[in-house]
Structure formats: C-alpha cells, structure tokens
Amino acid sequence: MLSIEQIEELATETIRGISPEYRAELVKETRKRYFGPANDAAAVSDLMQDIAAERRYPTN
C-alpha cells in the first residue's frame, strides 16, 4: 500500500485541482483503493480523478 506522502508526490497536480477542503479525503480514499505499482503516477492520478468525479468534489 502506498503511503499518503507517496500518493501526494505522484499526483500533485491532480490534488491541486481539487478544492482544499476535499484534498485529504481524496488522498485517503485513493490510498484505500490503489493497489498498483508504487511508481505509476498515471494510474494514481486516474484513480483520483475517478474518485473525485464519483464524489463530485469541487475543483479550483
């Protein structure tokens, strides 16, 4: 399982696109759902975008 710090590093731009009050929740949910390789930034970002869309998180 990736650490929160690894997720934040891999998907910095995706995280910045979400309103600040939802970022921590998005990272935690991504950590729960992601089981791919630790260096696949595209897969992490794709999952985050899917979660954000599913939960309708507001963007910046």
Protein backbone atom coordinates (compact mmCIF):
# COMPACT_ATOMS: atom_id res chain seq x y z
CA MET A 1 0.00 0.00 0.00
CA LEU A 2 1.30 3.44 -0.87
CA SER A 3 1.86 5.96 1.87
CA ILE A 4 -0.02 9.24 1.89
CA GLU A 5 3.26 11.00 1.10
CA GLN A 6 3.85 8.78 -1.95
CA ILE A 7 0.37 9.48 -3.27
CA GLU A 8 0.80 13.21 -2.75
CA GLU A 9 4.12 13.11 -4.60
CA LEU A 10 2.78 11.04 -7.52
CA ALA A 11 -0.39 13.06 -8.05
CA THR A 12 0.50 16.59 -7.02
CA GLU A 13 -1.21 18.26 -9.98
CA THR A 14 -4.40 16.25 -9.60
CA ILE A 15 -4.59 17.06 -5.90
CA ARG A 16 -4.07 20.78 -6.56
CA GLY A 17 -7.08 20.74 -8.89
CA ILE A 18 -9.43 19.78 -6.06
CA SER A 19 -10.78 22.30 -3.57
CA PRO A 20 -8.52 22.33 -0.48
CA GLU A 21 -11.16 21.12 1.95
CA TYR A 22 -11.54 17.83 0.00
CA ARG A 23 -7.88 17.02 -0.69
CA ALA A 24 -7.12 14.98 2.43
CA GLU A 25 -10.26 12.89 1.96
CA LEU A 26 -9.34 12.27 -1.70
CA VAL A 27 -5.82 11.14 -0.79
CA LYS A 28 -7.11 8.81 1.95
CA GLU A 29 -9.68 7.24 -0.37
CA THR A 30 -7.05 6.81 -3.08
CA ARG A 31 -4.79 5.07 -0.58
CA LYS A 32 -7.59 2.63 0.28
CA ARG A 33 -8.37 1.79 -3.34
CA TYR A 34 -4.98 1.78 -5.09
CA PHE A 35 -3.09 -1.49 -5.27
CA GLY A 36 -0.94 -0.93 -8.36
CA PRO A 37 2.79 -0.29 -8.72
CA ALA A 38 4.30 2.33 -6.43
CA ASN A 39 5.72 4.34 -9.33
CA ASP A 40 2.69 4.54 -11.64
CA ALA A 41 1.77 8.21 -11.38
CA ALA A 42 -0.71 7.96 -14.26
CA ALA A 43 -2.68 5.17 -12.57
CA VAL A 44 -2.78 7.05 -9.26
CA SER A 45 -3.93 10.24 -10.99
CA ASP A 46 -6.58 8.36 -12.99
CA LEU A 47 -7.95 6.76 -9.84
CA MET A 48 -8.01 10.12 -8.06
CA GLN A 49 -9.89 11.68 -10.95
CA ASP A 50 -12.40 8.83 -10.90
CA ILE A 51 -12.94 9.23 -7.16
CA ALA A 52 -13.29 13.00 -7.46
CA ALA A 53 -15.87 12.62 -10.23
CA GLU A 54 -17.75 9.89 -8.38
CA ARG A 55 -17.98 12.02 -5.25
CA ARG A 56 -18.42 15.26 -7.19
CA TYR A 57 -15.62 17.09 -5.41
CA PRO A 58 -15.46 20.75 -6.39
CA THR A 59 -12.42 21.92 -8.30
CA ASN A 60 -10.35 25.07 -8.11
